[in-house]
Each structure stands twice: as C-alpha cells, then as structure tokens.
N, C-alpha and C. Protein backbone atom coordinates (compact mmCIF):
# COMPACT_ATOMS: atom_id res chain seq x y z
N MET A 1 0.86 -1.19 -0.02
CA MET A 1 -0.02 0.01 0.04
C MET A 1 0.86 1.20 0.01
N MET A 2 0.52 2.15 -0.84
CA MET A 2 1.27 3.45 -0.94
C MET A 2 0.56 4.56 -0.17
N ASN A 3 1.26 5.32 0.52
CA ASN A 3 0.66 6.44 1.29
C ASN A 3 1.14 7.74 0.77
N TYR A 4 0.17 8.66 0.47
CA TYR A 4 0.47 9.90 -0.15
C TYR A 4 0.10 11.09 0.82
N ILE A 5 0.83 12.15 0.67
CA ILE A 5 0.54 13.46 1.26
C ILE A 5 0.17 14.43 0.10
N TYR A 6 -0.86 15.29 0.37
CA TYR A 6 -1.30 16.16 -0.73
C TYR A 6 -1.15 17.62 -0.43
N ASP A 7 -0.86 18.43 -1.44
CA ASP A 7 -0.90 19.90 -1.40
C ASP A 7 -0.03 20.49 -0.28
N ILE A 8 1.33 20.33 -0.47
CA ILE A 8 2.24 20.95 0.49
C ILE A 8 3.33 21.65 -0.32
N LEU A 9 4.10 22.52 0.42
CA LEU A 9 5.21 23.29 -0.14
C LEU A 9 6.55 22.52 0.17
N ILE A 10 7.39 22.44 -0.83
CA ILE A 10 8.67 21.78 -0.64
C ILE A 10 9.69 22.75 -1.23
N ASN A 11 10.85 22.88 -0.59
CA ASN A 11 11.91 23.80 -1.02
C ASN A 11 13.31 22.96 -0.99
N PHE A 12 13.54 22.24 -2.08
CA PHE A 12 14.72 21.39 -2.15
C PHE A 12 15.92 22.30 -2.21
N ASN A 13 16.97 21.97 -1.33
CA ASN A 13 18.30 22.60 -1.33
C ASN A 13 19.35 21.50 -1.00
N TYR A 14 20.60 21.81 -1.27
CA TYR A 14 21.67 20.91 -0.95
C TYR A 14 21.75 20.81 0.62
N ASN A 15 21.67 21.93 1.27
CA ASN A 15 21.65 21.99 2.75
C ASN A 15 20.27 22.11 3.26
N LEU A 16 20.00 21.66 4.50
CA LEU A 16 18.70 21.73 5.10
C LEU A 16 18.48 23.03 5.81
N TYR A 17 17.38 23.73 5.37
CA TYR A 17 16.96 24.98 5.98
C TYR A 17 15.56 24.89 6.58
N GLU A 18 15.39 25.45 7.77
CA GLU A 18 14.05 25.48 8.37
C GLU A 18 13.17 26.38 7.50
N PHE A 19 11.89 26.18 7.54
CA PHE A 19 10.93 26.93 6.67
C PHE A 19 11.10 28.40 6.80
N TYR A 20 11.37 28.88 8.01
CA TYR A 20 11.51 30.33 8.24
C TYR A 20 12.78 30.91 7.62
N ASP A 21 13.61 30.05 7.15
CA ASP A 21 14.88 30.49 6.59
C ASP A 21 14.83 30.39 5.00
N TRP A 22 13.67 30.08 4.49
CA TRP A 22 13.60 30.02 3.05
C TRP A 22 13.64 31.48 2.41
N ASN A 23 14.21 31.50 1.23
CA ASN A 23 14.32 32.81 0.55
C ASN A 23 13.31 32.95 -0.58
N LYS A 24 12.99 34.24 -0.94
CA LYS A 24 12.06 34.41 -1.97
C LYS A 24 12.56 33.87 -3.35
N GLU A 25 13.96 33.85 -3.43
CA GLU A 25 14.58 33.41 -4.68
C GLU A 25 14.55 31.89 -4.85
N ASP A 26 14.27 31.14 -3.74
CA ASP A 26 14.26 29.70 -3.73
C ASP A 26 13.24 29.17 -4.71
N ASN A 27 13.45 28.04 -5.21
CA ASN A 27 12.45 27.35 -6.09
C ASN A 27 11.52 26.55 -5.22
N ILE A 28 10.56 27.20 -4.67
CA ILE A 28 9.61 26.56 -3.76
C ILE A 28 8.49 25.90 -4.62
N ILE A 29 8.32 24.62 -4.41
CA ILE A 29 7.40 23.83 -5.25
C ILE A 29 6.14 23.53 -4.52
N ASN A 30 5.04 23.81 -5.22
CA ASN A 30 3.71 23.50 -4.65
C ASN A 30 3.33 22.00 -5.11
N VAL A 31 3.51 21.11 -4.19
CA VAL A 31 3.45 19.68 -4.49
C VAL A 31 1.98 19.25 -4.44
N LYS A 32 1.52 18.60 -5.49
CA LYS A 32 0.16 18.07 -5.52
C LYS A 32 -0.03 16.84 -4.75
N SER A 33 1.00 15.87 -4.88
CA SER A 33 1.00 14.64 -4.18
C SER A 33 2.38 14.06 -4.13
N VAL A 34 2.68 13.46 -3.00
CA VAL A 34 4.10 12.88 -2.80
C VAL A 34 3.95 11.69 -1.82
N LEU A 35 4.68 10.66 -2.11
CA LEU A 35 4.75 9.42 -1.19
C LEU A 35 5.40 9.80 0.11
N ILE A 36 4.93 9.17 1.21
CA ILE A 36 5.53 9.35 2.52
C ILE A 36 5.80 7.94 3.13
N PHE A 37 6.98 7.88 3.77
CA PHE A 37 7.41 6.64 4.39
C PHE A 37 7.69 6.94 5.88
N LYS A 38 7.22 6.03 6.70
CA LYS A 38 7.54 6.10 8.17
C LYS A 38 8.74 5.28 8.47
N ILE A 39 9.78 5.90 9.11
CA ILE A 39 11.02 5.18 9.37
C ILE A 39 11.41 5.45 10.87
N ARG A 40 12.40 4.80 11.27
CA ARG A 40 12.86 4.97 12.71
C ARG A 40 13.57 6.30 12.86
N THR A 41 13.52 6.85 14.07
CA THR A 41 14.16 8.13 14.43
C THR A 41 15.61 8.11 14.08
N ASP A 42 16.27 7.06 14.39
CA ASP A 42 17.65 6.93 14.10
C ASP A 42 17.96 7.01 12.59
N ASP A 43 17.13 6.42 11.76
CA ASP A 43 17.34 6.51 10.34
C ASP A 43 17.01 7.95 9.81
N LEU A 44 15.97 8.55 10.45
CA LEU A 44 15.65 9.97 10.01
C LEU A 44 16.78 10.90 10.31
N ASN A 45 17.32 10.75 11.47
CA ASN A 45 18.52 11.60 11.84
C ASN A 45 19.71 11.38 10.86
N LYS A 46 19.92 10.13 10.45
CA LYS A 46 21.02 9.83 9.56
C LYS A 46 20.81 10.42 8.15
N ILE A 47 19.58 10.31 7.64
CA ILE A 47 19.35 10.79 6.29
C ILE A 47 19.27 12.35 6.33
N THR A 48 18.94 12.92 7.48
CA THR A 48 18.97 14.41 7.67
C THR A 48 20.33 14.96 7.61
N ASN A 49 21.23 14.25 8.35
CA ASN A 49 22.57 14.81 8.59
C ASN A 49 23.60 14.33 7.54
N ASN A 50 23.23 13.42 6.66
CA ASN A 50 24.20 12.87 5.63
C ASN A 50 23.59 12.81 4.26
N ILE A 51 24.47 12.84 3.28
CA ILE A 51 24.13 12.51 1.95
C ILE A 51 24.05 10.99 1.86
N ILE A 52 22.93 10.44 1.35
CA ILE A 52 22.79 8.99 1.25
C ILE A 52 22.55 8.53 -0.08
N LYS A 53 22.58 7.18 -0.26
CA LYS A 53 22.35 6.59 -1.53
C LYS A 53 21.38 5.36 -1.32
N VAL A 54 20.30 5.35 -2.09
CA VAL A 54 19.32 4.27 -1.98
C VAL A 54 19.56 3.33 -3.22
N ASP A 55 18.99 2.13 -3.04
CA ASP A 55 19.13 1.24 -4.23
C ASP A 55 18.05 1.42 -5.28
N GLU A 56 18.32 0.75 -6.37
CA GLU A 56 17.42 0.80 -7.58
C GLU A 56 15.96 0.38 -7.24
N LYS A 57 15.84 -0.53 -6.29
CA LYS A 57 14.53 -1.01 -5.94
C LYS A 57 13.71 0.16 -5.27
N PHE A 58 14.30 0.89 -4.48
CA PHE A 58 13.61 2.05 -3.84
C PHE A 58 13.31 3.11 -4.83
N LEU A 59 14.31 3.40 -5.79
CA LEU A 59 14.06 4.38 -6.79
C LEU A 59 12.85 4.01 -7.62
N ASN A 60 12.68 2.76 -7.99
CA ASN A 60 11.58 2.29 -8.80
C ASN A 60 10.26 2.45 -8.03
N ARG A 61 10.35 2.30 -6.70
CA ARG A 61 9.16 2.45 -5.86
C ARG A 61 8.62 3.86 -5.85
N ILE A 62 9.51 4.87 -6.00
CA ILE A 62 9.06 6.26 -5.86
C ILE A 62 9.01 6.97 -7.23
N SER A 63 9.50 6.27 -8.26
CA SER A 63 9.65 6.82 -9.62
C SER A 63 8.36 7.54 -10.11
N ASN A 64 8.49 8.81 -10.40
CA ASN A 64 7.38 9.62 -10.95
C ASN A 64 6.08 9.66 -10.12
N LYS A 65 6.30 9.45 -8.79
CA LYS A 65 5.16 9.45 -7.91
C LYS A 65 4.92 10.78 -7.30
N THR A 66 5.85 11.74 -7.49
CA THR A 66 5.66 13.10 -6.95
C THR A 66 5.25 14.02 -8.00
N GLU A 67 4.03 14.63 -7.84
CA GLU A 67 3.50 15.51 -8.83
C GLU A 67 3.38 16.92 -8.18
N TYR A 68 3.54 18.00 -9.02
CA TYR A 68 3.50 19.30 -8.52
C TYR A 68 2.72 20.12 -9.55
N PHE A 69 2.26 21.28 -9.00
CA PHE A 69 1.48 22.25 -9.88
C PHE A 69 2.55 23.22 -10.60
N SER A 70 2.40 23.18 -11.93
CA SER A 70 3.26 24.21 -12.66
C SER A 70 2.24 25.12 -13.30
N ARG A 71 2.77 26.15 -13.98
CA ARG A 71 1.84 27.13 -14.55
C ARG A 71 0.92 26.64 -15.64
N LYS A 72 1.36 25.65 -16.41
CA LYS A 72 0.55 25.15 -17.53
C LYS A 72 0.03 23.78 -17.32
N ALA A 73 0.63 23.03 -16.43
CA ALA A 73 0.22 21.62 -16.36
C ALA A 73 0.69 21.00 -14.98
N ILE A 74 0.49 19.72 -14.85
CA ILE A 74 1.02 18.99 -13.63
C ILE A 74 2.39 18.45 -14.02
N GLY A 75 3.43 18.85 -13.27
CA GLY A 75 4.77 18.37 -13.51
C GLY A 75 5.04 17.24 -12.59
N LYS A 76 6.20 16.49 -12.81
CA LYS A 76 6.60 15.35 -11.99
C LYS A 76 8.04 15.50 -11.65
N ILE A 77 8.31 15.18 -10.39
CA ILE A 77 9.73 15.00 -9.97
C ILE A 77 10.04 13.54 -10.01
N LYS A 78 11.03 13.14 -10.73
CA LYS A 78 11.34 11.77 -11.04
C LYS A 78 11.48 10.93 -9.76
N TYR A 79 12.36 11.38 -8.81
CA TYR A 79 12.59 10.62 -7.58
C TYR A 79 12.57 11.54 -6.36
N ALA A 80 11.46 11.54 -5.70
CA ALA A 80 11.35 12.29 -4.46
C ALA A 80 10.33 11.65 -3.57
N CYS A 81 10.41 11.89 -2.20
CA CYS A 81 9.43 11.40 -1.24
C CYS A 81 9.62 12.07 0.11
N LEU A 82 8.72 11.83 1.01
CA LEU A 82 8.82 12.30 2.37
C LEU A 82 9.13 11.19 3.33
N PHE A 83 9.83 11.47 4.37
CA PHE A 83 10.16 10.57 5.47
C PHE A 83 9.76 11.20 6.81
N SER A 84 9.23 10.33 7.67
CA SER A 84 8.84 10.93 8.94
C SER A 84 9.01 9.72 10.04
N ASP A 85 9.32 10.17 11.23
CA ASP A 85 9.44 9.22 12.35
C ASP A 85 8.27 9.46 13.39
N GLY A 86 7.38 10.33 13.01
CA GLY A 86 6.27 10.66 13.89
C GLY A 86 6.53 11.89 14.70
N ILE A 87 7.79 12.41 14.60
CA ILE A 87 8.21 13.57 15.35
C ILE A 87 8.58 14.68 14.37
N ASP A 88 9.23 14.30 13.36
CA ASP A 88 9.72 15.25 12.40
C ASP A 88 9.42 14.72 10.98
N VAL A 89 9.52 15.62 9.95
CA VAL A 89 9.22 15.29 8.59
C VAL A 89 10.33 15.92 7.75
N VAL A 90 10.90 15.19 6.75
CA VAL A 90 11.73 15.82 5.79
C VAL A 90 11.43 15.26 4.39
N ALA A 91 11.72 16.04 3.41
CA ALA A 91 11.50 15.59 2.01
C ALA A 91 12.97 15.43 1.42
N LEU A 92 13.08 14.34 0.64
CA LEU A 92 14.39 14.09 -0.09
C LEU A 92 14.10 13.98 -1.58
N LYS A 93 15.06 14.48 -2.37
CA LYS A 93 15.08 14.24 -3.87
C LYS A 93 16.34 13.46 -4.17
N PHE A 94 16.20 12.52 -5.04
CA PHE A 94 17.30 11.64 -5.43
C PHE A 94 17.72 11.82 -6.84
N SER A 95 18.96 11.58 -7.17
CA SER A 95 19.38 11.46 -8.55
C SER A 95 19.12 10.15 -9.16
N SER A 96 19.38 9.97 -10.47
CA SER A 96 19.03 8.67 -11.06
C SER A 96 19.84 7.52 -10.59
N ASN A 97 21.04 7.85 -9.89
CA ASN A 97 21.88 6.71 -9.31
C ASN A 97 21.57 6.59 -7.83
N GLY A 98 20.47 7.21 -7.35
CA GLY A 98 20.08 6.94 -5.96
C GLY A 98 20.67 7.87 -4.93
N GLU A 99 21.47 8.82 -5.28
CA GLU A 99 22.08 9.75 -4.26
C GLU A 99 21.10 10.93 -3.91
N SER A 100 21.01 11.19 -2.66
CA SER A 100 20.16 12.33 -2.24
C SER A 100 20.78 13.59 -2.62
N VAL A 101 20.05 14.40 -3.51
CA VAL A 101 20.65 15.64 -4.09
C VAL A 101 19.85 16.84 -3.63
N GLY A 102 18.81 16.65 -2.87
CA GLY A 102 18.01 17.74 -2.34
C GLY A 102 17.28 17.40 -1.08
N ILE A 103 17.18 18.30 -0.15
CA ILE A 103 16.50 18.06 1.08
C ILE A 103 15.68 19.27 1.44
N SER A 104 14.53 19.01 2.13
CA SER A 104 13.68 20.12 2.48
C SER A 104 12.91 19.79 3.81
N LYS A 105 12.73 20.86 4.61
CA LYS A 105 11.83 20.83 5.66
C LYS A 105 10.44 21.26 5.10
N LEU A 106 9.39 21.26 5.94
CA LEU A 106 8.06 21.69 5.49
C LEU A 106 7.67 22.86 6.25
N VAL A 107 6.68 23.55 5.80
CA VAL A 107 5.97 24.62 6.53
C VAL A 107 5.42 23.98 7.77
N ILE A 108 5.57 24.64 8.89
CA ILE A 108 5.24 24.04 10.21
C ILE A 108 3.83 23.55 10.25
N GLU A 109 2.85 24.29 9.74
CA GLU A 109 1.47 23.84 9.79
C GLU A 109 1.25 22.54 9.04
N GLU A 110 1.90 22.42 7.90
CA GLU A 110 1.82 21.19 7.09
C GLU A 110 2.51 20.06 7.78
N GLU A 111 3.62 20.36 8.39
CA GLU A 111 4.36 19.23 9.07
C GLU A 111 3.50 18.72 10.24
N LEU A 112 2.93 19.59 10.99
CA LEU A 112 2.12 19.13 12.19
C LEU A 112 0.88 18.33 11.69
N GLU A 113 0.31 18.69 10.60
CA GLU A 113 -0.80 17.91 10.01
C GLU A 113 -0.39 16.45 9.64
N ILE A 114 0.85 16.41 9.07
CA ILE A 114 1.37 15.07 8.69
C ILE A 114 1.61 14.23 9.98
N ILE A 115 2.23 14.85 11.03
CA ILE A 115 2.63 14.14 12.25
C ILE A 115 1.34 13.63 12.93
N GLU A 116 0.26 14.32 12.74
CA GLU A 116 -1.03 13.85 13.38
C GLU A 116 -1.53 12.57 12.85
N VAL A 117 -1.23 12.29 11.57
CA VAL A 117 -1.73 11.06 10.96
C VAL A 117 -0.70 9.96 10.68
N ILE A 118 0.60 10.29 11.02
CA ILE A 118 1.60 9.38 10.63
C ILE A 118 1.60 8.09 11.40
N ASP A 119 1.00 8.06 12.55
CA ASP A 119 0.87 6.79 13.26
C ASP A 119 0.00 5.75 12.62
N LEU A 120 -0.78 6.21 11.63
CA LEU A 120 -1.67 5.26 10.89
C LEU A 120 -0.86 4.47 9.84
N ILE A 121 0.45 4.89 9.63
CA ILE A 121 1.30 4.30 8.65
C ILE A 121 2.27 3.35 9.28
N LYS A 122 2.50 2.21 8.70
CA LYS A 122 3.47 1.28 9.29
C LYS A 122 4.87 1.69 8.94
N ASP A 123 5.84 1.39 9.81
CA ASP A 123 7.22 1.57 9.51
C ASP A 123 7.72 0.71 8.38
N ILE A 124 8.64 1.27 7.58
CA ILE A 124 9.27 0.38 6.57
C ILE A 124 10.74 0.14 6.94
N ASP A 125 11.21 -0.97 6.47
CA ASP A 125 12.65 -1.26 6.62
C ASP A 125 13.35 -0.48 5.52
N PHE A 126 14.04 0.54 5.87
CA PHE A 126 14.68 1.43 4.90
C PHE A 126 16.20 1.21 4.80
N SER A 127 16.66 0.69 3.72
CA SER A 127 18.11 0.43 3.58
C SER A 127 18.69 1.53 2.69
N TYR A 128 19.90 1.94 3.14
CA TYR A 128 20.57 3.04 2.42
C TYR A 128 22.03 3.01 2.79
N GLU A 129 22.89 3.71 1.97
CA GLU A 129 24.27 3.81 2.24
C GLU A 129 24.56 5.29 2.51
N ILE A 130 25.38 5.54 3.56
CA ILE A 130 25.80 6.90 3.86
C ILE A 130 27.02 7.22 3.00
N ILE A 131 26.85 8.34 2.15
CA ILE A 131 27.95 8.67 1.28
C ILE A 131 28.92 9.65 2.01
N LYS A 132 28.46 10.73 2.62
CA LYS A 132 29.20 11.62 3.34
C LYS A 132 28.39 12.50 4.23
N LYS A 133 29.00 13.13 5.19
CA LYS A 133 28.20 14.01 6.14
C LYS A 133 27.78 15.23 5.35
N ARG A 134 26.51 15.67 5.62
CA ARG A 134 25.97 16.88 4.97
C ARG A 134 26.67 18.07 5.44
N GLU A 135 27.05 18.97 4.58
CA GLU A 135 27.76 20.20 4.90
C GLU A 135 26.75 21.18 5.48
N GLY A 136 27.22 22.24 6.07
CA GLY A 136 26.35 23.23 6.70
C GLY A 136 26.64 23.46 8.13
N LEU A 137 26.24 24.55 8.70
CA LEU A 137 26.44 24.92 10.05
C LEU A 137 25.18 24.73 10.82
N PRO A 138 25.04 23.75 11.78
CA PRO A 138 23.77 23.52 12.47
C PRO A 138 23.44 24.77 13.36
N PHE A 139 22.15 25.00 13.49
CA PHE A 139 21.61 26.03 14.36
C PHE A 139 21.98 27.41 13.88
N LYS A 140 22.40 27.63 12.58
CA LYS A 140 22.67 28.95 12.04
C LYS A 140 21.77 29.18 10.90
N THR A 141 21.33 30.43 10.72
CA THR A 141 20.50 30.78 9.60
C THR A 141 21.35 31.02 8.34
N ARG A 142 20.73 31.03 7.26
CA ARG A 142 21.49 31.26 5.99
C ARG A 142 22.26 32.59 6.01
N LYS A 143 21.59 33.67 6.67
CA LYS A 143 22.22 34.98 6.75
C LYS A 143 23.48 34.90 7.63
N GLU A 144 23.41 34.11 8.82
CA GLU A 144 24.55 33.99 9.65
C GLU A 144 25.66 33.28 8.91
N ILE A 145 25.32 32.25 8.18
CA ILE A 145 26.37 31.49 7.41
C ILE A 145 26.99 32.44 6.36
N LYS A 146 26.23 33.23 5.68
CA LYS A 146 26.75 34.20 4.65
C LYS A 146 27.61 35.23 5.40
N ASP A 147 27.19 35.81 6.48
CA ASP A 147 27.99 36.78 7.19
C ASP A 147 29.36 36.21 7.60
N LYS A 148 29.31 34.98 8.06
CA LYS A 148 30.56 34.30 8.46
C LYS A 148 31.48 34.11 7.28
N ASN A 149 30.93 33.61 6.21
CA ASN A 149 31.80 33.49 4.98
C ASN A 149 32.33 34.78 4.44
N ASP A 150 31.53 35.84 4.54
CA ASP A 150 31.95 37.15 4.13
C ASP A 150 33.08 37.67 4.96
N ILE A 151 32.99 37.43 6.27
CA ILE A 151 34.03 37.94 7.25
C ILE A 151 35.38 37.14 6.88
N VAL A 152 35.30 35.85 6.67
CA VAL A 152 36.53 35.08 6.36
C VAL A 152 37.13 35.72 5.12
N LYS A 153 36.33 35.96 4.11
CA LYS A 153 36.87 36.49 2.79
C LYS A 153 37.49 37.89 3.03
N GLU A 154 36.78 38.75 3.80
CA GLU A 154 37.38 40.07 4.04
C GLU A 154 38.66 40.07 4.86
N VAL A 155 38.66 39.28 5.89
CA VAL A 155 39.93 39.17 6.70
C VAL A 155 41.14 38.66 5.83
N ASN A 156 40.76 37.66 5.03
CA ASN A 156 41.94 37.06 4.18
C ASN A 156 42.42 38.07 3.17
N GLN A 157 41.63 39.03 2.80
CA GLN A 157 41.99 40.04 1.80
C GLN A 157 42.73 41.24 2.36
N ILE A 158 42.93 41.30 3.70
CA ILE A 158 43.60 42.42 4.32
C ILE A 158 45.11 42.22 4.09
N ASP A 159 45.77 43.17 3.37
CA ASP A 159 47.16 43.13 3.18
C ASP A 159 47.94 43.97 4.25
N ASP A 160 47.26 44.97 4.78
CA ASP A 160 47.84 45.90 5.72
C ASP A 160 48.04 45.25 7.12
N LEU A 161 49.30 44.96 7.46
CA LEU A 161 49.58 44.26 8.77
C LEU A 161 49.08 45.09 9.88
N GLU A 162 49.18 46.46 9.85
CA GLU A 162 48.76 47.29 10.98
C GLU A 162 47.27 47.13 11.20
N LYS A 163 46.51 46.97 10.18
CA LYS A 163 45.08 46.76 10.38
C LYS A 163 44.75 45.37 10.98
N LEU A 164 45.53 44.43 10.55
CA LEU A 164 45.39 43.12 11.14
C LEU A 164 45.72 43.08 12.63
N LYS A 165 46.84 43.78 12.94
CA LYS A 165 47.26 43.84 14.32
C LYS A 165 46.23 44.56 15.18
N TYR A 166 45.60 45.62 14.65
CA TYR A 166 44.53 46.38 15.32
C TYR A 166 43.33 45.41 15.60
N LEU A 167 42.97 44.69 14.52
CA LEU A 167 41.84 43.83 14.61
C LEU A 167 42.06 42.67 15.66
N TYR A 168 43.29 42.17 15.68
CA TYR A 168 43.66 41.17 16.59
C TYR A 168 43.70 41.69 18.05
N PHE A 169 44.17 42.87 18.24
CA PHE A 169 44.18 43.45 19.65
C PHE A 169 42.74 43.67 20.13
N GLU A 170 41.89 44.17 19.28
CA GLU A 170 40.52 44.51 19.74
C GLU A 170 39.78 43.19 20.07
N CYS A 171 40.12 42.13 19.37
CA CYS A 171 39.47 40.83 19.61
C CYS A 171 40.00 40.05 20.86
N PHE A 172 41.31 40.22 21.07
CA PHE A 172 41.88 39.35 22.09
C PHE A 172 42.65 40.15 23.21
N ASN A 173 42.62 41.43 23.05
CA ASN A 173 43.28 42.28 24.06
C ASN A 173 44.74 41.92 24.31
N GLU A 174 45.46 41.56 23.21
CA GLU A 174 46.85 41.30 23.32
C GLU A 174 47.50 41.63 21.91
N GLU A 175 48.74 41.88 21.93
CA GLU A 175 49.47 42.21 20.73
C GLU A 175 50.11 41.01 20.06
N GLU A 176 50.13 41.04 18.71
CA GLU A 176 50.78 40.02 17.96
C GLU A 176 51.41 40.59 16.70
N GLU A 177 52.58 40.33 16.38
CA GLU A 177 53.30 40.84 15.23
C GLU A 177 53.26 39.97 14.03
N LYS A 178 53.11 38.73 14.16
CA LYS A 178 53.22 37.83 13.02
C LYS A 178 51.86 37.65 12.32
N LYS A 179 51.81 37.90 11.02
CA LYS A 179 50.55 37.86 10.23
C LYS A 179 49.99 36.47 10.29
N GLU A 180 50.78 35.42 10.12
CA GLU A 180 50.32 34.10 10.04
C GLU A 180 49.56 33.71 11.36
N ILE A 181 50.07 34.12 12.51
CA ILE A 181 49.47 33.75 13.76
C ILE A 181 48.18 34.61 13.93
N ILE A 182 48.20 35.86 13.49
CA ILE A 182 46.99 36.70 13.54
C ILE A 182 45.85 36.06 12.78
N LEU A 183 46.16 35.74 11.48
CA LEU A 183 45.09 35.12 10.70
C LEU A 183 44.60 33.82 11.24
N GLU A 184 45.54 33.02 11.67
CA GLU A 184 45.15 31.67 12.16
C GLU A 184 44.19 31.78 13.40
N LYS A 185 44.54 32.67 14.29
CA LYS A 185 43.73 32.83 15.51
C LYS A 185 42.34 33.52 15.21
N LEU A 186 42.43 34.53 14.35
CA LEU A 186 41.21 35.28 13.97
C LEU A 186 40.18 34.40 13.30
N LEU A 187 40.70 33.47 12.42
CA LEU A 187 39.84 32.62 11.57
C LEU A 187 39.56 31.27 12.18
N ASP A 188 40.11 31.04 13.41
CA ASP A 188 39.76 29.85 14.12
C ASP A 188 38.22 29.78 14.29
N GLU A 189 37.63 28.64 14.11
CA GLU A 189 36.13 28.49 14.21
C GLU A 189 35.59 29.07 15.44
N SER A 190 36.09 28.68 16.56
CA SER A 190 35.47 29.16 17.88
C SER A 190 35.74 30.62 18.08
N ASN A 191 36.91 31.13 17.72
CA ASN A 191 37.21 32.52 17.88
C ASN A 191 36.31 33.39 16.95
N LEU A 192 36.15 32.90 15.74
CA LEU A 192 35.36 33.63 14.77
C LEU A 192 33.94 33.72 15.19
N ASP A 193 33.34 32.62 15.69
CA ASP A 193 32.01 32.60 16.14
C ASP A 193 31.80 33.66 17.28
N LYS A 194 32.74 33.65 18.21
CA LYS A 194 32.64 34.50 19.42
C LYS A 194 32.82 35.96 19.05
N ASN A 195 33.73 36.27 18.09
CA ASN A 195 33.97 37.70 17.82
C ASN A 195 33.31 38.18 16.50
N LEU A 196 32.41 37.47 15.91
CA LEU A 196 31.89 37.77 14.64
C LEU A 196 31.36 39.16 14.56
N ASN A 197 30.50 39.57 15.49
CA ASN A 197 29.95 40.98 15.41
C ASN A 197 30.97 42.03 15.57
N LYS A 198 31.91 41.73 16.50
CA LYS A 198 32.97 42.69 16.79
C LYS A 198 33.88 42.87 15.54
N ILE A 199 34.15 41.77 14.88
CA ILE A 199 35.06 41.87 13.64
C ILE A 199 34.29 42.65 12.56
N LYS A 200 33.05 42.38 12.40
CA LYS A 200 32.26 43.12 11.36
C LYS A 200 32.29 44.59 11.61
N GLU A 201 32.20 45.06 12.89
CA GLU A 201 32.22 46.46 13.17
C GLU A 201 33.62 47.08 12.97
N ILE A 202 34.63 46.33 13.36
CA ILE A 202 35.99 46.76 13.18
C ILE A 202 36.27 46.89 11.68
N LEU A 203 35.90 45.96 10.92
CA LEU A 203 36.14 45.99 9.49
C LEU A 203 35.58 47.25 8.89
N LYS A 204 34.37 47.68 9.35
CA LYS A 204 33.77 48.88 8.88
C LYS A 204 34.61 50.05 9.38
N LEU A 205 35.03 50.01 10.57
CA LEU A 205 35.80 51.17 11.08
C LEU A 205 37.12 51.42 10.38
N VAL A 206 37.82 50.34 9.99
CA VAL A 206 39.01 50.45 9.33
C VAL A 206 38.85 50.59 7.77
N SER A 207 37.56 50.87 7.38
CA SER A 207 37.24 51.11 6.01
C SER A 207 37.57 50.02 5.08
N ILE A 208 37.40 48.80 5.45
CA ILE A 208 37.53 47.66 4.55
C ILE A 208 36.21 47.53 3.84
N LYS A 209 36.22 47.44 2.46
CA LYS A 209 35.03 47.42 1.70
C LYS A 209 34.29 46.16 1.98
N THR A 210 33.02 46.27 2.47
CA THR A 210 32.23 45.11 2.72
C THR A 210 30.74 45.47 2.60
N THR A 211 29.89 44.47 2.46
CA THR A 211 28.46 44.72 2.42
C THR A 211 27.76 43.72 3.37
N TYR A 212 26.94 44.31 4.24
CA TYR A 212 26.08 43.45 5.14
C TYR A 212 24.80 44.03 5.21
C-alpha cells in the first residue's frame, strides 16, 4: 500500500533549511501529491545529517510518484518522497543513481498535520548507504552563514599588517606581530563565532570594503 501526502510546499536545497529560513529566490514547489514513508528516528537523523544513496528498488518504488503544480500543467519530480518518524518530517530528492541531491523541511502547519496522521502508517525497513556528512552549520540561519563566509573573505583580503594587528588586539586584548598567527587565530572556528559581530564592526571602522 502506498501512502500519499497532498498539497504541500517543498523547497529542495543541498543543505537543510528551516521553513522560516527560506528565501524568495528559492524554487519553492507546490506539491500536488508525494509518497511518505515512516522510518525509525535513528534513520531519519542519519538521512537528515548525511548524503545517502538508496538502491534501484527504492528508486523504482518512488519513480514519478511526486506531482506538482506548474503554470501550464501538472509536472513530475522523477525521484522524491517524504520521510517521517512521527516527530519530524523531511523531503528528499534523489538522482538517477540513488544519491540524495536535495532536502527540504516543510511549513510548520503542514508538518504538524502530517505528524497527526503518521501513526496510521506502518514503519518500513529502509536500507541506504551513507555517502558523506551533509555540509552546513547547524543552528545557524543562511544569513549567519553568509555573514561568516563574508568575514572570512574580508579578513583574508587584508594586506595591511597594521590593520590586522589592530583587529587582533581588539578581539583578544593582546598584541601579535606575525601575520600568520593573527590570521590563524582570527579565523579559528570558535574565535570567529565568538567575535563575529565585533570583527564586522571593526572592518567597517578600518574602511575595509564590505556589504552586510
């Protein structure tokens, strides 16, 4: 027996974004119908946090079963479906070789409606291969990720050692003469997270061209 969910919005991206972090420029799809599978929480966590690969049998099972509304007609996504553990819901899109190439959360109201009925569906034995860990920074919005990437780029472009020394002193309240050490410590993951807003303001102050 196949179980379908109807009339929902899906926003496939390489990285997983919460619905409140969707952009107007995203290709948000109004899905007419899509298959849903109930799986264990452990499996849902793995497919959420990793790029996976499914076998040909599963691809055939979901082939052309996802329909969406387009301007002129009903379109189809070749390989896509929903997964839920009864607590959370994610959508995955697969390539023709079975690799997950897109992932999406749902609008919260639609997700809650699905969770209310998911207990009526039996769990499936879901086999897959983990290809690699999904990239992205957990618990950060797309703007926060962009800000961080912009800061790294701006700091790396500073040629003036005096500006770097000033930036270093303001962040760590100590002096350092060597450019390599300054850059290494400034761009260290934990230091960058802690000092991100301060670095942004200092970069503006020292007239480094940037846009935020």
